[in-house]
Amino acid sequence: MEVSASNEALQTESGAVQSGVTSQQVDYQELNGRNPIYIAQLLPGVRGTSTLGDFNFASTGGMSWQINGARTWDSLVTFDGAPAVRTRSNGAVIGVADVDTTQEIQVMTADYAAEYGRAAGRQIRIITKTGTKDFHGSAYEYFRNSELNSNTWTRNLSTATNFASPFRYNNFGFTVGGPIWIPRWARNTARSSSSS
């Protein structure tokens, strides 16, 4: 019998304090509105005004993030390094990450490198998956129905409300990805215009 173990390597290159959410965690989490940025609230020190149970659809405008007690407008959200926060709108995020294309969500809370500047406070970095040469896709349905819910204790007190509160929600969608095909005539035209 052979026993083997590995120890975690101590990070000595930088003093940055950061946490992360993997793409597998994004895939497995049920999100109303399919907006993965809300998963950052599961990390230590992150607090937002919306919860994972709220209906968080495409817009994240007006959402306030507080990371380790920093002011809302001191935090920065980036998509693949590009700032996604309106500077004149009290930290409103302009854009929504897609569940199927999110590779990782990083929350950097202290002592991160100067290359991640641009904010006095903390940063939420959304990194997307890289492309492939193959076509791929997915389909989904986010489904909620009161037939699957139990009744609350207070509603059970009355015979008039002795059933779960009626609720139905279906969110259908799909994604398709793959290489971009450029016709041969367009490539030839681009080459001839760049050589002249």
C-alpha atoms as a PDB file:
ATOM      1  CA  MET A   1       0.000   0.000   0.000  1.00  0.00           C
ATOM      2  CA  GLU A   2       1.324   3.407  -0.946  1.00  0.00           C
ATOM      3  CA  VAL A   3       0.231   6.656   0.654  1.00  0.00           C
ATOM      4  CA  SER A   4       0.967   9.916  -1.112  1.00  0.00           C
ATOM      5  CA  ALA A   5       0.138  13.483  -0.236  1.00  0.00           C
ATOM      6  CA  SER A   6       0.788  16.901  -1.660  1.00  0.00           C
ATOM      7  CA  ASN A   7       1.075  20.148   0.207  1.00  0.00           C
ATOM      8  CA  GLU A   8      -0.227  23.503  -0.927  1.00  0.00           C
ATOM      9  CA  ALA A   9       2.467  25.746  -2.313  1.00  0.00           C
ATOM     10  CA  LEU A  10       2.860  28.941  -0.353  1.00  0.00           C
ATOM     11  CA  GLN A  11       2.438  31.963  -2.586  1.00  0.00           C
ATOM     12  CA  THR A  12       5.495  34.161  -2.057  1.00  0.00           C
ATOM     13  CA  GLU A  13       5.454  36.211  -5.276  1.00  0.00           C
ATOM     14  CA  SER A  14       2.831  38.671  -4.069  1.00  0.00           C
ATOM     15  CA  GLY A  15       0.976  39.741  -0.960  1.00  0.00           C
ATOM     16  CA  ALA A  16      -2.363  39.994  -2.765  1.00  0.00           C
ATOM     17  CA  VAL A  17      -5.447  38.830  -0.916  1.00  0.00           C
ATOM     18  CA  GLN A  18      -7.997  37.404  -3.317  1.00  0.00           C
ATOM     19  CA  SER A  19     -10.707  34.773  -3.592  1.00  0.00           C
ATOM     20  CA  GLY A  20     -12.152  33.097  -6.640  1.00  0.00           C
ATOM     21  CA  VAL A  21     -15.199  31.356  -8.044  1.00  0.00           C
ATOM     22  CA  THR A  22     -14.549  28.682 -10.673  1.00  0.00           C
ATOM     23  CA  SER A  23     -16.560  28.010 -13.831  1.00  0.00           C
ATOM     24  CA  GLN A  24     -17.806  24.750 -12.296  1.00  0.00           C
ATOM     25  CA  GLN A  25     -19.242  26.676  -9.339  1.00  0.00           C
ATOM     26  CA  VAL A  26     -20.899  29.120 -11.775  1.00  0.00           C
ATOM     27  CA  ASP A  27     -22.419  26.224 -13.745  1.00  0.00           C
ATOM     28  CA  TYR A  28     -23.802  24.457 -10.679  1.00  0.00           C
ATOM     29  CA  GLN A  29     -25.282  27.492  -8.920  1.00  0.00           C
ATOM     30  CA  GLU A  30     -28.931  28.242  -9.634  1.00  0.00           C
ATOM     31  CA  LEU A  31     -29.157  31.923 -10.486  1.00  0.00           C
ATOM     32  CA  ASN A  32     -32.353  33.857 -11.055  1.00  0.00           C
ATOM     33  CA  GLY A  33     -31.715  35.807 -14.223  1.00  0.00           C
ATOM     34  CA  ARG A  34     -28.492  33.822 -14.946  1.00  0.00           C
ATOM     35  CA  ASN A  35     -26.139  36.613 -13.869  1.00  0.00           C
ATOM     36  CA  PRO A  36     -22.964  35.059 -12.386  1.00  0.00           C
ATOM     37  CA  ILE A  37     -21.607  38.246 -10.818  1.00  0.00           C
ATOM     38  CA  TYR A  38     -23.917  37.681  -7.857  1.00  0.00           C
ATOM     39  CA  ILE A  39     -21.929  34.562  -6.915  1.00  0.00           C
ATOM     40  CA  ALA A  40     -19.160  36.914  -5.754  1.00  0.00           C
ATOM     41  CA  GLN A  41     -21.356  37.562  -2.704  1.00  0.00           C
ATOM     42  CA  LEU A  42     -20.574  34.023  -1.523  1.00  0.00           C
ATOM     43  CA  LEU A  43     -16.947  35.021  -0.958  1.00  0.00           C
ATOM     44  CA  PRO A  44     -15.722  36.374   2.386  1.00  0.00           C
ATOM     45  CA  GLY A  45     -16.032  40.140   2.848  1.00  0.00           C
ATOM     46  CA  VAL A  46     -18.354  40.776  -0.138  1.00  0.00           C
ATOM     47  CA  ARG A  47     -21.779  42.293   0.402  1.00  0.00           C
ATOM     48  CA  GLY A  48     -24.307  43.424  -2.186  1.00  0.00           C
ATOM     49  CA  THR A  49     -27.829  44.787  -2.072  1.00  0.00           C
ATOM     50  CA  SER A  50     -29.292  41.920  -4.141  1.00  0.00           C
ATOM     51  CA  THR A  51     -29.340  38.286  -3.108  1.00  0.00           C
ATOM     52  CA  LEU A  52     -28.983  35.109  -5.146  1.00  0.00           C
ATOM     53  CA  GLY A  53     -32.706  34.500  -4.606  1.00  0.00           C
ATOM     54  CA  ASP A  54     -33.752  37.793  -6.212  1.00  0.00           C
ATOM     55  CA  PHE A  55     -34.631  38.016  -9.885  1.00  0.00           C
ATOM     56  CA  ASN A  56     -31.371  39.419 -11.232  1.00  0.00           C
ATOM     57  CA  PHE A  57     -31.864  39.854 -14.936  1.00  0.00           C
ATOM     58  CA  ALA A  58     -29.724  41.539 -17.554  1.00  0.00           C
ATOM     59  CA  SER A  59     -29.220  44.892 -15.885  1.00  0.00           C
ATOM     60  CA  THR A  60     -27.044  45.296 -12.829  1.00  0.00           C
ATOM     61  CA  GLY A  61     -27.372  49.064 -12.755  1.00  0.00           C
ATOM     62  CA  GLY A  62     -27.743  50.609  -9.348  1.00  0.00           C
ATOM     63  CA  MET A  63     -26.350  47.531  -7.604  1.00  0.00           C
ATOM     64  CA  SER A  64     -24.137  48.474  -4.716  1.00  0.00           C
ATOM     65  CA  TRP A  65     -21.101  46.388  -3.806  1.00  0.00           C
ATOM     66  CA  GLN A  66     -19.307  46.703  -0.517  1.00  0.00           C
ATOM     67  CA  ILE A  67     -16.126  44.670  -0.189  1.00  0.00           C
ATOM     68  CA  ASN A  68     -14.430  44.595   3.199  1.00  0.00           C
ATOM     69  CA  GLY A  69     -16.306  47.760   4.178  1.00  0.00           C
ATOM     70  CA  ALA A  70     -15.078  49.900   1.248  1.00  0.00           C
ATOM     71  CA  ARG A  71     -17.467  52.436  -0.217  1.00  0.00           C
ATOM     72  CA  THR A  72     -19.535  51.282  -3.187  1.00  0.00           C
ATOM     73  CA  TRP A  73     -17.951  53.674  -5.680  1.00  0.00           C
ATOM     74  CA  ASP A  74     -14.443  52.553  -4.642  1.00  0.00           C
ATOM     75  CA  SER A  75     -14.963  49.062  -6.086  1.00  0.00           C
ATOM     76  CA  LEU A  76     -14.278  48.144  -9.705  1.00  0.00           C
ATOM     77  CA  VAL A  77     -15.798  45.406 -11.869  1.00  0.00           C
ATOM     78  CA  THR A  78     -13.908  44.369 -15.008  1.00  0.00           C
ATOM     79  CA  PHE A  79     -14.686  41.977 -17.867  1.00  0.00           C
ATOM     80  CA  ASP A  80     -11.413  40.508 -19.181  1.00  0.00           C
ATOM     81  CA  GLY A  81      -9.601  43.597 -17.905  1.00  0.00           C
ATOM     82  CA  ALA A  82     -11.986  46.180 -19.391  1.00  0.00           C
ATOM     83  CA  PRO A  83     -13.720  48.423 -16.802  1.00  0.00           C
ATOM     84  CA  ALA A  84     -17.453  47.764 -16.566  1.00  0.00           C
ATOM     85  CA  VAL A  85     -18.485  50.371 -14.004  1.00  0.00           C
ATOM     86  CA  ARG A  86     -20.107  53.727 -14.706  1.00  0.00           C
ATOM     87  CA  THR A  87     -18.067  56.381 -12.970  1.00  0.00           C
ATOM     88  CA  ARG A  88     -20.943  58.867 -12.743  1.00  0.00           C
ATOM     89  CA  SER A  89     -23.576  56.428 -11.576  1.00  0.00           C
ATOM     90  CA  ASN A  90     -22.462  55.451  -8.099  1.00  0.00           C
ATOM     91  CA  GLY A  91     -20.811  52.191  -9.161  1.00  0.00           C
ATOM     92  CA  ALA A  92     -23.491  50.796 -11.480  1.00  0.00           C
ATOM     93  CA  VAL A  93     -22.188  47.878 -13.555  1.00  0.00           C
ATOM     94  CA  ILE A  94     -22.697  48.222 -17.311  1.00  0.00           C
ATOM     95  CA  GLY A  95     -22.832  44.744 -18.727  1.00  0.00           C
ATOM     96  CA  VAL A  96     -23.703  41.230 -17.770  1.00  0.00           C
ATOM     97  CA  ALA A  97     -21.473  38.185 -17.827  1.00  0.00           C
ATOM     98  CA  ASP A  98     -22.913  35.055 -19.365  1.00  0.00           C
ATOM     99  CA  VAL A  99     -23.063  31.877 -17.274  1.00  0.00           C
ATOM    100  CA  ASP A 100     -21.874  29.737 -20.203  1.00  0.00           C
ATOM    101  CA  THR A 101     -18.842  31.892 -21.020  1.00  0.00           C
ATOM    102  CA  THR A 102     -17.591  32.747 -17.522  1.00  0.00           C
ATOM    103  CA  GLN A 103     -14.341  30.949 -16.717  1.00  0.00           C
ATOM    104  CA  GLU A 104     -13.636  32.518 -13.347  1.00  0.00           C
ATOM    105  CA  ILE A 105     -14.668  35.335 -11.040  1.00  0.00           C
ATOM    106  CA  GLN A 106     -11.888  36.814  -8.914  1.00  0.00           C
ATOM    107  CA  VAL A 107     -12.412  39.158  -5.990  1.00  0.00           C
ATOM    108  CA  MET A 108      -9.225  41.007  -5.077  1.00  0.00           C
ATOM    109  CA  THR A 109      -9.534  42.617  -1.681  1.00  0.00           C
ATOM    110  CA  ALA A 110      -6.088  43.845  -0.632  1.00  0.00           C
ATOM    111  CA  ASP A 111      -2.515  44.438  -1.776  1.00  0.00           C
ATOM    112  CA  TYR A 112      -3.051  43.477  -5.412  1.00  0.00           C
ATOM    113  CA  ALA A 113      -0.516  44.393  -8.089  1.00  0.00           C
ATOM    114  CA  ALA A 114      -0.376  47.862  -9.649  1.00  0.00           C
ATOM    115  CA  GLU A 115      -1.543  46.464 -12.999  1.00  0.00           C
ATOM    116  CA  TYR A 116      -4.993  46.102 -11.417  1.00  0.00           C
ATOM    117  CA  GLY A 117      -5.193  49.754 -10.405  1.00  0.00           C
ATOM    118  CA  ARG A 118      -7.945  52.223 -11.375  1.00  0.00           C
ATOM    119  CA  ALA A 119      -9.873  51.836  -8.105  1.00  0.00           C
ATOM    120  CA  ALA A 120      -9.284  52.992  -4.569  1.00  0.00           C
ATOM    121  CA  GLY A 121     -11.036  49.932  -3.169  1.00  0.00           C
ATOM    122  CA  ARG A 122     -11.488  46.352  -4.255  1.00  0.00           C
ATOM    123  CA  GLN A 123     -11.985  44.632  -7.588  1.00  0.00           C
ATOM    124  CA  ILE A 124     -14.257  41.970  -9.027  1.00  0.00           C
ATOM    125  CA  ARG A 125     -12.646  40.508 -12.153  1.00  0.00           C
ATOM    126  CA  ILE A 126     -14.709  38.382 -14.536  1.00  0.00           C
ATOM    127  CA  ILE A 127     -12.585  36.239 -16.843  1.00  0.00           C
ATOM    128  CA  THR A 128     -14.290  34.612 -19.822  1.00  0.00           C
ATOM    129  CA  LYS A 129     -13.488  31.272 -21.421  1.00  0.00           C
ATOM    130  CA  THR A 130     -11.209  31.166 -24.437  1.00  0.00           C
ATOM    131  CA  GLY A 131     -12.579  30.297 -27.849  1.00  0.00           C
ATOM    132  CA  THR A 132     -12.196  27.026 -29.711  1.00  0.00           C
ATOM    133  CA  LYS A 133     -12.050  25.954 -33.317  1.00  0.00           C
ATOM    134  CA  ASP A 134     -15.123  23.750 -32.887  1.00  0.00           C
ATOM    135  CA  PHE A 135     -18.764  24.753 -32.892  1.00  0.00           C
ATOM    136  CA  HIS A 136     -20.620  24.125 -29.656  1.00  0.00           C
ATOM    137  CA  GLY A 137     -23.796  25.211 -27.948  1.00  0.00           C
ATOM    138  CA  SER A 138     -26.130  24.683 -25.048  1.00  0.00           C
ATOM    139  CA  ALA A 139     -29.793  25.092 -24.213  1.00  0.00           C
ATOM    140  CA  TYR A 140     -31.311  25.780 -20.835  1.00  0.00           C
ATOM    141  CA  GLU A 141     -34.527  26.327 -18.981  1.00  0.00           C
ATOM    142  CA  TYR A 142     -34.590  27.902 -15.538  1.00  0.00           C
ATOM    143  CA  PHE A 143     -37.843  26.665 -14.066  1.00  0.00           C
ATOM    144  CA  ARG A 144     -39.752  27.583 -10.902  1.00  0.00           C
ATOM    145  CA  ASN A 145     -43.275  26.514 -10.085  1.00  0.00           C
ATOM    146  CA  SER A 146     -45.360  26.702  -6.926  1.00  0.00           C
ATOM    147  CA  GLU A 147     -46.451  23.078  -7.463  1.00  0.00           C
ATOM    148  CA  LEU A 148     -42.944  22.116  -6.341  1.00  0.00           C
ATOM    149  CA  ASN A 149     -42.942  24.398  -3.283  1.00  0.00           C
ATOM    150  CA  SER A 150     -44.057  23.635   0.226  1.00  0.00           C
ATOM    151  CA  ASN A 151     -46.434  25.956   1.999  1.00  0.00           C
ATOM    152  CA  THR A 152     -45.234  28.362   4.686  1.00  0.00           C
ATOM    153  CA  TRP A 153     -46.212  27.915   8.293  1.00  0.00           C
ATOM    154  CA  THR A 154     -48.216  31.175   8.381  1.00  0.00           C
ATOM    155  CA  ARG A 155     -50.202  30.255   5.241  1.00  0.00           C
ATOM    156  CA  ASN A 156     -51.066  26.883   6.769  1.00  0.00           C
ATOM    157  CA  LEU A 157     -52.836  28.626   9.664  1.00  0.00           C
ATOM    158  CA  SER A 158     -55.823  29.543   7.490  1.00  0.00           C
ATOM    159  CA  THR A 159     -57.908  27.163   5.408  1.00  0.00           C
ATOM    160  CA  ALA A 160     -58.209  29.903   2.755  1.00  0.00           C
ATOM    161  CA  THR A 161     -54.445  29.828   2.155  1.00  0.00           C
ATOM    162  CA  ASN A 162     -53.739  26.170   2.870  1.00  0.00           C
ATOM    163  CA  PHE A 163     -51.673  25.870  -0.332  1.00  0.00           C
ATOM    164  CA  ALA A 164     -48.393  27.240  -1.634  1.00  0.00           C
ATOM    165  CA  SER A 165     -48.551  30.766  -2.990  1.00  0.00           C
ATOM    166  CA  PRO A 166     -49.091  30.546  -6.795  1.00  0.00           C
ATOM    167  CA  PHE A 167     -45.913  31.209  -8.755  1.00  0.00           C
ATOM    168  CA  ARG A 168     -44.690  30.216 -12.217  1.00  0.00           C
ATOM    169  CA  TYR A 169     -41.454  31.226 -13.898  1.00  0.00           C
ATOM    170  CA  ASN A 170     -39.798  29.838 -17.034  1.00  0.00           C
ATOM    171  CA  ASN A 171     -36.584  31.270 -18.467  1.00  0.00           C
ATOM    172  CA  PHE A 172     -35.564  29.596 -21.746  1.00  0.00           C
ATOM    173  CA  GLY A 173     -32.444  30.273 -23.726  1.00  0.00           C
ATOM    174  CA  PHE A 174     -29.528  28.931 -25.704  1.00  0.00           C
ATOM    175  CA  THR A 175     -25.943  29.732 -26.595  1.00  0.00           C
ATOM    176  CA  VAL A 176     -23.978  28.978 -29.747  1.00  0.00           C
ATOM    177  CA  GLY A 177     -20.264  29.472 -30.193  1.00  0.00           C
ATOM    178  CA  GLY A 178     -17.517  28.635 -32.611  1.00  0.00           C
ATOM    179  CA  PRO A 179     -14.962  30.037 -35.013  1.00  0.00           C
ATOM    180  CA  ILE A 180     -15.677  33.051 -37.183  1.00  0.00           C
ATOM    181  CA  TRP A 181     -15.583  32.158 -40.855  1.00  0.00           C
ATOM    182  CA  ILE A 182     -14.272  34.812 -43.242  1.00  0.00           C
ATOM    183  CA  PRO A 183     -14.965  34.185 -46.944  1.00  0.00           C
ATOM    184  CA  ARG A 184     -11.939  33.840 -49.220  1.00  0.00           C
ATOM    185  CA  TRP A 185     -12.889  36.914 -51.280  1.00  0.00           C
ATOM    186  CA  ALA A 186     -12.937  39.048 -48.104  1.00  0.00           C
ATOM    187  CA  ARG A 187      -9.478  37.802 -47.095  1.00  0.00           C
ATOM    188  CA  ASN A 188      -8.108  38.543 -50.558  1.00  0.00           C
ATOM    189  CA  THR A 189      -9.660  42.010 -50.508  1.00  0.00           C
ATOM    190  CA  ALA A 190      -8.142  42.742 -47.100  1.00  0.00           C
ATOM    191  CA  ARG A 191      -4.703  41.564 -48.231  1.00  0.00           C
ATOM    192  CA  SER A 192      -4.756  43.637 -51.416  1.00  0.00           C
ATOM    193  CA  SER A 193      -5.850  46.798 -49.603  1.00  0.00           C
ATOM    194  CA  SER A 194      -3.149  46.403 -46.929  1.00  0.00           C
ATOM    195  CA  SER A 195      -0.391  45.852 -49.524  1.00  0.00           C
ATOM    196  CA  SER A 196      -1.307  48.963 -51.555  1.00  0.00           C
END
